[in-house]
């Protein structure tokens, strides 16, 4: 038996407040939409609630993060490192404070681009063209 199989049933998740989540997490992955309530959710006040040395990853929406606040936290060591696939303005501007922040990796909005994702897009495109030629277009929007 695979050792990981025996642990599968033990995984437990619980809802906690944002403050609790920030205080308890070693890694914070942002996977949320951009709404007025989430814009700037990673700001100086919330960063102060995080563990020292936290790692932040954002491949969701750039404006979730107040970039000047994150840069300050990276430079002070409060945030150990950040990996960002999105920034507030794309393409990134030459004066973005994150470009000179310590331990910050920025990729150009490509985290979706796995081989499997690109293959799925090509297959969906081919299927849509085939359906259109056969007179049965899919996903029609007026």
N, C-alpha and C. Protein backbone atom coordinates (compact mmCIF):
# COMPACT_ATOMS: atom_id res chain seq x y z
N UNK A 1 0.84 -1.19 0.00
CA UNK A 1 0.00 0.00 0.00
C UNK A 1 0.88 1.25 0.00
N UNK A 2 0.50 2.21 -0.78
CA UNK A 2 1.22 3.48 -0.85
C UNK A 2 1.03 4.24 0.46
N UNK A 3 2.11 4.75 1.01
CA UNK A 3 2.05 5.47 2.29
C UNK A 3 1.12 6.68 2.21
N UNK A 4 1.05 7.31 1.05
CA UNK A 4 0.19 8.48 0.90
C UNK A 4 -1.29 8.11 0.91
N UNK A 5 -1.62 6.92 0.45
CA UNK A 5 -3.02 6.50 0.45
C UNK A 5 -3.58 6.46 1.85
N UNK A 6 -2.80 6.02 2.83
CA UNK A 6 -3.29 5.92 4.19
C UNK A 6 -3.54 7.29 4.81
N UNK A 7 -2.88 8.32 4.30
CA UNK A 7 -3.08 9.67 4.83
C UNK A 7 -4.22 10.41 4.15
N UNK A 8 -4.72 9.90 3.04
CA UNK A 8 -5.71 10.62 2.25
C UNK A 8 -6.97 10.95 3.05
N UNK A 9 -7.43 10.04 3.87
CA UNK A 9 -8.65 10.28 4.63
C UNK A 9 -8.46 11.19 5.82
N UNK A 10 -7.24 11.53 6.13
CA UNK A 10 -6.96 12.34 7.32
C UNK A 10 -6.91 13.84 7.04
N UNK A 11 -6.93 14.22 5.79
CA UNK A 11 -6.85 15.64 5.47
C UNK A 11 -8.08 16.35 6.03
N UNK A 12 -7.83 17.42 6.73
CA UNK A 12 -8.91 18.16 7.36
C UNK A 12 -8.74 19.64 7.00
N UNK A 13 -9.84 20.24 6.67
CA UNK A 13 -9.84 21.68 6.42
C UNK A 13 -10.92 22.30 7.28
N UNK A 14 -10.68 23.51 7.69
CA UNK A 14 -11.69 24.20 8.48
C UNK A 14 -11.72 25.66 8.06
N UNK A 15 -12.90 26.25 8.17
CA UNK A 15 -13.03 27.67 7.90
C UNK A 15 -12.52 28.44 9.10
N UNK A 16 -11.73 29.45 8.84
CA UNK A 16 -11.25 30.33 9.90
C UNK A 16 -11.38 31.77 9.40
N UNK A 17 -11.29 32.69 10.30
CA UNK A 17 -11.34 34.10 9.91
C UNK A 17 -10.08 34.45 9.11
N UNK A 18 -10.15 35.53 8.38
CA UNK A 18 -8.97 35.98 7.63
C UNK A 18 -7.81 36.25 8.58
N UNK A 19 -8.10 36.87 9.72
CA UNK A 19 -7.04 37.15 10.68
C UNK A 19 -6.35 35.87 11.15
N UNK A 20 -7.15 34.84 11.44
CA UNK A 20 -6.59 33.55 11.86
C UNK A 20 -5.76 32.92 10.75
N UNK A 21 -6.29 32.97 9.55
CA UNK A 21 -5.59 32.39 8.40
C UNK A 21 -4.23 33.07 8.22
N UNK A 22 -4.23 34.38 8.27
CA UNK A 22 -2.97 35.12 8.09
C UNK A 22 -1.97 34.79 9.19
N UNK A 23 -2.44 34.67 10.42
CA UNK A 23 -1.56 34.42 11.56
C UNK A 23 -1.00 33.00 11.57
N UNK A 24 -1.72 32.04 11.00
CA UNK A 24 -1.33 30.63 11.09
C UNK A 24 -0.56 30.12 9.87
N UNK A 25 -0.63 30.81 8.76
CA UNK A 25 -0.12 30.27 7.50
C UNK A 25 1.36 30.53 7.28
N UNK A 26 2.06 29.47 6.85
CA UNK A 26 3.45 29.61 6.42
C UNK A 26 3.52 30.05 4.96
N UNK A 27 2.53 29.63 4.19
CA UNK A 27 2.42 29.96 2.78
C UNK A 27 1.03 30.55 2.55
N UNK A 28 0.96 31.62 1.80
CA UNK A 28 -0.34 32.18 1.44
C UNK A 28 -0.41 32.22 -0.08
N UNK A 29 -1.36 31.47 -0.60
CA UNK A 29 -1.61 31.40 -2.04
C UNK A 29 -2.89 32.17 -2.32
N UNK A 30 -2.83 33.13 -3.20
CA UNK A 30 -4.03 33.90 -3.53
C UNK A 30 -4.71 33.26 -4.73
N UNK A 31 -5.93 32.82 -4.50
CA UNK A 31 -6.76 32.23 -5.55
C UNK A 31 -8.16 32.80 -5.40
N UNK A 32 -8.30 34.07 -5.66
CA UNK A 32 -9.61 34.68 -5.50
C UNK A 32 -9.83 35.72 -6.59
N UNK A 33 -11.09 36.01 -6.86
CA UNK A 33 -11.39 37.01 -7.88
C UNK A 33 -11.11 38.41 -7.35
N UNK A 34 -11.08 39.35 -8.25
CA UNK A 34 -10.91 40.74 -7.87
C UNK A 34 -12.28 41.38 -7.75
N UNK A 35 -12.65 41.72 -6.55
CA UNK A 35 -13.88 42.42 -6.22
C UNK A 35 -13.50 43.61 -5.35
N UNK A 36 -14.40 44.55 -5.15
CA UNK A 36 -14.08 45.64 -4.22
C UNK A 36 -13.62 45.13 -2.85
N UNK A 37 -14.20 44.04 -2.39
CA UNK A 37 -13.85 43.50 -1.06
C UNK A 37 -12.48 42.83 -1.04
N UNK A 38 -11.96 42.41 -2.19
CA UNK A 38 -10.66 41.74 -2.22
C UNK A 38 -9.54 42.64 -2.73
N UNK A 39 -9.89 43.74 -3.37
CA UNK A 39 -8.84 44.63 -3.88
C UNK A 39 -8.00 45.14 -2.73
N UNK A 40 -6.70 44.96 -2.83
CA UNK A 40 -5.78 45.41 -1.80
C UNK A 40 -5.83 44.61 -0.51
N UNK A 41 -6.33 43.38 -0.59
CA UNK A 41 -6.45 42.56 0.62
C UNK A 41 -5.08 42.25 1.24
N UNK A 42 -4.06 42.19 0.40
CA UNK A 42 -2.70 42.04 0.92
C UNK A 42 -2.13 43.44 1.02
N UNK A 43 -2.26 44.00 2.22
CA UNK A 43 -1.84 45.37 2.50
C UNK A 43 -1.02 45.38 3.78
N UNK A 44 -0.52 46.53 4.16
CA UNK A 44 0.35 46.61 5.34
C UNK A 44 -0.32 46.07 6.59
N UNK A 45 -1.59 46.39 6.78
CA UNK A 45 -2.30 45.92 7.98
C UNK A 45 -2.39 44.40 8.01
N UNK A 46 -2.73 43.79 6.88
CA UNK A 46 -2.84 42.33 6.85
C UNK A 46 -1.48 41.65 6.84
N UNK A 47 -0.50 42.27 6.22
CA UNK A 47 0.85 41.71 6.26
C UNK A 47 1.36 41.68 7.70
N UNK A 48 1.05 42.69 8.48
CA UNK A 48 1.48 42.73 9.88
C UNK A 48 0.91 41.56 10.69
N UNK A 49 -0.22 41.02 10.27
CA UNK A 49 -0.86 39.90 10.96
C UNK A 49 -0.23 38.56 10.58
N UNK A 50 0.57 38.54 9.52
CA UNK A 50 1.17 37.30 9.03
C UNK A 50 2.36 36.89 9.88
N UNK A 51 2.67 35.59 9.82
CA UNK A 51 3.88 35.08 10.46
C UNK A 51 5.10 35.75 9.83
N UNK A 52 6.11 35.95 10.64
CA UNK A 52 7.38 36.41 10.08
C UNK A 52 7.91 35.31 9.17
N UNK A 53 8.41 35.70 8.00
CA UNK A 53 8.97 34.73 7.07
C UNK A 53 7.96 34.03 6.20
N UNK A 54 6.74 34.53 6.16
CA UNK A 54 5.70 33.94 5.32
C UNK A 54 6.11 34.00 3.85
N UNK A 55 5.59 33.08 3.06
CA UNK A 55 5.81 33.07 1.62
C UNK A 55 4.48 33.35 0.95
N UNK A 56 4.47 34.30 0.03
CA UNK A 56 3.25 34.72 -0.66
C UNK A 56 3.33 34.37 -2.13
N UNK A 57 2.27 33.76 -2.64
CA UNK A 57 2.19 33.41 -4.06
C UNK A 57 0.88 33.96 -4.60
N UNK A 58 0.97 34.72 -5.68
CA UNK A 58 -0.24 35.27 -6.31
C UNK A 58 -0.22 34.97 -7.80
N UNK A 59 -1.12 34.10 -8.21
CA UNK A 59 -1.32 33.89 -9.65
C UNK A 59 -2.79 34.12 -9.98
N UNK A 60 -3.39 35.01 -9.22
CA UNK A 60 -4.81 35.30 -9.37
C UNK A 60 -5.01 36.65 -10.05
N UNK A 61 -5.01 37.73 -9.28
CA UNK A 61 -5.20 39.08 -9.80
C UNK A 61 -4.21 40.01 -9.12
N UNK A 62 -3.53 40.83 -9.91
CA UNK A 62 -2.52 41.73 -9.38
C UNK A 62 -3.03 42.71 -8.33
N UNK A 63 -4.17 43.36 -8.57
CA UNK A 63 -4.64 44.37 -7.60
C UNK A 63 -5.09 43.82 -6.25
N UNK A 64 -4.99 42.51 -6.04
CA UNK A 64 -5.23 41.98 -4.70
C UNK A 64 -4.14 42.44 -3.74
N UNK A 65 -3.00 42.81 -4.30
CA UNK A 65 -1.82 43.16 -3.50
C UNK A 65 -1.52 44.65 -3.62
N UNK A 66 -1.31 45.30 -2.49
CA UNK A 66 -0.79 46.66 -2.48
C UNK A 66 0.72 46.51 -2.63
N UNK A 67 1.20 46.78 -3.82
CA UNK A 67 2.57 46.45 -4.18
C UNK A 67 3.61 47.16 -3.32
N UNK A 68 3.39 48.41 -2.98
CA UNK A 68 4.35 49.13 -2.13
C UNK A 68 4.44 48.48 -0.75
N UNK A 69 3.30 48.02 -0.23
CA UNK A 69 3.29 47.36 1.08
C UNK A 69 4.02 46.02 1.02
N UNK A 70 3.80 45.26 -0.05
CA UNK A 70 4.50 43.98 -0.20
C UNK A 70 6.00 44.21 -0.36
N UNK A 71 6.38 45.20 -1.17
CA UNK A 71 7.81 45.48 -1.36
C UNK A 71 8.47 45.83 -0.04
N UNK A 72 7.81 46.63 0.77
CA UNK A 72 8.37 46.99 2.09
C UNK A 72 8.52 45.75 2.96
N UNK A 73 7.52 44.87 2.92
CA UNK A 73 7.58 43.64 3.73
C UNK A 73 8.66 42.70 3.24
N UNK A 74 8.87 42.63 1.94
CA UNK A 74 9.95 41.81 1.39
C UNK A 74 11.31 42.39 1.80
N UNK A 75 11.46 43.68 1.67
CA UNK A 75 12.74 44.31 1.99
C UNK A 75 13.09 44.23 3.47
N UNK A 76 12.07 44.19 4.32
CA UNK A 76 12.31 44.09 5.77
C UNK A 76 12.49 42.65 6.22
N UNK A 77 12.10 41.69 5.38
CA UNK A 77 12.17 40.28 5.75
C UNK A 77 10.90 39.74 6.38
N UNK A 78 9.92 40.60 6.63
CA UNK A 78 8.64 40.13 7.18
C UNK A 78 8.06 39.05 6.27
N UNK A 79 8.06 39.31 4.97
CA UNK A 79 7.69 38.30 3.97
C UNK A 79 9.01 37.77 3.41
N UNK A 80 9.22 36.46 3.55
CA UNK A 80 10.49 35.86 3.12
C UNK A 80 10.68 35.96 1.62
N UNK A 81 9.63 35.65 0.89
CA UNK A 81 9.70 35.75 -0.56
C UNK A 81 8.30 35.78 -1.14
N UNK A 82 8.23 36.24 -2.37
CA UNK A 82 6.95 36.29 -3.07
C UNK A 82 7.17 35.80 -4.49
N UNK A 83 6.21 35.06 -4.98
CA UNK A 83 6.19 34.61 -6.38
C UNK A 83 4.89 35.15 -6.97
N UNK A 84 5.02 35.99 -7.96
CA UNK A 84 3.87 36.68 -8.52
C UNK A 84 3.79 36.43 -10.02
N UNK A 85 2.65 35.97 -10.47
CA UNK A 85 2.43 35.81 -11.90
C UNK A 85 1.61 36.97 -12.44
N UNK A 86 1.18 37.84 -11.56
CA UNK A 86 0.36 38.99 -11.93
C UNK A 86 0.81 40.19 -11.12
N UNK A 87 0.68 41.36 -11.71
CA UNK A 87 0.94 42.61 -11.02
C UNK A 87 -0.21 43.56 -11.32
N UNK A 88 -0.22 44.70 -10.65
CA UNK A 88 -1.37 45.60 -10.77
C UNK A 88 -1.57 46.14 -12.18
N UNK A 89 -0.48 46.41 -12.87
CA UNK A 89 -0.55 46.91 -14.24
C UNK A 89 0.29 46.01 -15.12
N UNK A 90 -0.33 45.47 -16.16
CA UNK A 90 0.39 44.59 -17.08
C UNK A 90 0.32 45.17 -18.48
N UNK A 91 1.44 45.18 -19.20
CA UNK A 91 2.73 44.67 -18.76
C UNK A 91 3.28 45.52 -17.62
N UNK A 92 4.17 44.92 -16.86
CA UNK A 92 4.72 45.59 -15.68
C UNK A 92 5.46 46.85 -16.10
N UNK A 93 5.30 47.89 -15.32
CA UNK A 93 5.97 49.17 -15.61
C UNK A 93 7.38 49.15 -15.02
N UNK A 94 8.28 49.85 -15.67
CA UNK A 94 9.69 49.87 -15.27
C UNK A 94 9.89 50.39 -13.85
N UNK A 95 8.96 51.20 -13.35
CA UNK A 95 9.13 51.76 -12.00
C UNK A 95 8.36 50.98 -10.93
N UNK A 96 7.88 49.79 -11.25
CA UNK A 96 7.16 48.99 -10.25
C UNK A 96 8.10 48.65 -9.10
N UNK A 97 7.67 48.95 -7.88
CA UNK A 97 8.52 48.76 -6.70
C UNK A 97 8.91 47.30 -6.48
N UNK A 98 8.15 46.38 -7.01
CA UNK A 98 8.47 44.96 -6.81
C UNK A 98 9.68 44.52 -7.62
N UNK A 99 10.02 45.26 -8.66
CA UNK A 99 11.17 44.89 -9.48
C UNK A 99 12.49 45.00 -8.72
N UNK A 100 12.52 45.83 -7.70
CA UNK A 100 13.75 45.98 -6.91
C UNK A 100 13.60 45.41 -5.50
N UNK A 101 12.47 44.80 -5.20
CA UNK A 101 12.27 44.22 -3.87
C UNK A 101 13.09 42.94 -3.74
N UNK A 102 13.50 42.65 -2.50
CA UNK A 102 14.25 41.43 -2.23
C UNK A 102 13.37 40.20 -2.41
N UNK A 103 13.95 39.13 -2.92
CA UNK A 103 13.31 37.81 -2.95
C UNK A 103 11.93 37.81 -3.60
N UNK A 104 11.82 38.51 -4.71
CA UNK A 104 10.55 38.57 -5.42
C UNK A 104 10.74 38.04 -6.83
N UNK A 105 9.98 37.01 -7.15
CA UNK A 105 10.01 36.42 -8.49
C UNK A 105 8.74 36.85 -9.20
N UNK A 106 8.88 37.41 -10.39
CA UNK A 106 7.71 37.86 -11.15
C UNK A 106 7.76 37.20 -12.51
N UNK A 107 6.67 36.54 -12.88
CA UNK A 107 6.54 35.95 -14.21
C UNK A 107 5.44 36.71 -14.96
N UNK A 108 5.49 36.70 -16.29
CA UNK A 108 4.58 37.53 -17.08
C UNK A 108 3.21 36.90 -17.36
N UNK A 109 2.46 36.63 -16.30
CA UNK A 109 1.08 36.13 -16.41
C UNK A 109 1.01 34.87 -17.28
N UNK A 110 1.86 33.90 -16.94
CA UNK A 110 1.91 32.66 -17.73
C UNK A 110 1.70 31.40 -16.90
N UNK A 111 1.26 31.53 -15.66
CA UNK A 111 1.14 30.33 -14.83
C UNK A 111 0.09 29.36 -15.35
N UNK A 112 -0.81 29.83 -16.18
CA UNK A 112 -1.83 28.96 -16.77
C UNK A 112 -1.24 28.09 -17.88
N UNK A 113 -0.09 28.44 -18.41
CA UNK A 113 0.38 27.91 -19.68
C UNK A 113 1.13 26.58 -19.57
N UNK A 114 0.56 25.63 -18.87
CA UNK A 114 1.16 24.31 -18.84
C UNK A 114 0.95 23.64 -20.20
N UNK A 115 1.71 22.62 -20.46
CA UNK A 115 1.54 21.88 -21.71
C UNK A 115 0.11 21.37 -21.83
N UNK A 116 -0.43 20.86 -20.73
CA UNK A 116 -1.79 20.31 -20.75
C UNK A 116 -2.83 21.39 -21.03
N UNK A 117 -2.65 22.57 -20.47
CA UNK A 117 -3.60 23.66 -20.71
C UNK A 117 -3.57 24.09 -22.17
N UNK A 118 -2.38 24.21 -22.73
CA UNK A 118 -2.28 24.60 -24.14
C UNK A 118 -2.89 23.53 -25.05
N UNK A 119 -2.66 22.24 -24.72
CA UNK A 119 -3.26 21.16 -25.51
C UNK A 119 -4.78 21.22 -25.43
N UNK A 120 -5.32 21.50 -24.23
CA UNK A 120 -6.77 21.58 -24.05
C UNK A 120 -7.35 22.74 -24.87
N UNK A 121 -6.66 23.87 -24.91
CA UNK A 121 -7.12 25.01 -25.70
C UNK A 121 -7.12 24.66 -27.18
N UNK A 122 -6.06 24.00 -27.65
CA UNK A 122 -6.01 23.61 -29.07
C UNK A 122 -7.12 22.63 -29.41
N UNK A 123 -7.39 21.67 -28.53
CA UNK A 123 -8.44 20.69 -28.78
C UNK A 123 -9.82 21.35 -28.77
N UNK A 124 -10.05 22.25 -27.83
CA UNK A 124 -11.33 22.96 -27.77
C UNK A 124 -11.53 23.80 -29.01
N UNK A 125 -10.48 24.47 -29.48
CA UNK A 125 -10.57 25.27 -30.70
C UNK A 125 -10.91 24.39 -31.89
N UNK A 126 -10.22 23.27 -32.03
CA UNK A 126 -10.50 22.34 -33.13
C UNK A 126 -11.93 21.82 -33.05
N UNK A 127 -12.39 21.47 -31.85
CA UNK A 127 -13.76 20.98 -31.68
C UNK A 127 -14.78 22.06 -32.06
N UNK A 128 -14.52 23.31 -31.68
CA UNK A 128 -15.44 24.40 -32.01
C UNK A 128 -15.49 24.66 -33.51
N UNK A 129 -14.34 24.62 -34.19
CA UNK A 129 -14.32 24.81 -35.64
C UNK A 129 -15.08 23.67 -36.32
N UNK A 130 -14.84 22.43 -35.87
CA UNK A 130 -15.53 21.28 -36.44
C UNK A 130 -17.05 21.42 -36.26
N UNK A 131 -17.48 21.79 -35.07
CA UNK A 131 -18.91 21.95 -34.80
C UNK A 131 -19.51 23.05 -35.67
N UNK A 132 -18.79 24.13 -35.88
CA UNK A 132 -19.27 25.22 -36.72
C UNK A 132 -19.44 24.76 -38.16
N UNK A 133 -18.44 24.05 -38.68
CA UNK A 133 -18.49 23.54 -40.06
C UNK A 133 -19.66 22.58 -40.24
N UNK A 134 -19.95 21.80 -39.20
CA UNK A 134 -21.06 20.85 -39.25
C UNK A 134 -22.41 21.51 -38.99
N UNK A 135 -22.42 22.83 -38.83
CA UNK A 135 -23.68 23.54 -38.61
C UNK A 135 -24.21 23.43 -37.19
N UNK A 136 -23.38 23.03 -36.26
CA UNK A 136 -23.79 22.89 -34.86
C UNK A 136 -22.83 23.66 -33.95
N UNK A 137 -22.76 24.98 -34.13
CA UNK A 137 -21.80 25.74 -33.33
C UNK A 137 -22.09 25.63 -31.83
N UNK A 138 -21.02 25.58 -31.05
CA UNK A 138 -21.14 25.50 -29.59
C UNK A 138 -20.73 26.84 -28.97
N UNK A 139 -21.21 27.06 -27.78
CA UNK A 139 -20.81 28.25 -27.01
C UNK A 139 -21.08 29.54 -27.77
N UNK A 140 -22.24 29.63 -28.41
CA UNK A 140 -22.60 30.81 -29.18
C UNK A 140 -23.03 31.92 -28.23
N UNK A 141 -22.48 33.10 -28.45
CA UNK A 141 -22.85 34.27 -27.65
C UNK A 141 -23.28 35.36 -28.61
N UNK A 142 -24.46 35.92 -28.38
CA UNK A 142 -24.96 37.02 -29.23
C UNK A 142 -24.53 38.34 -28.68
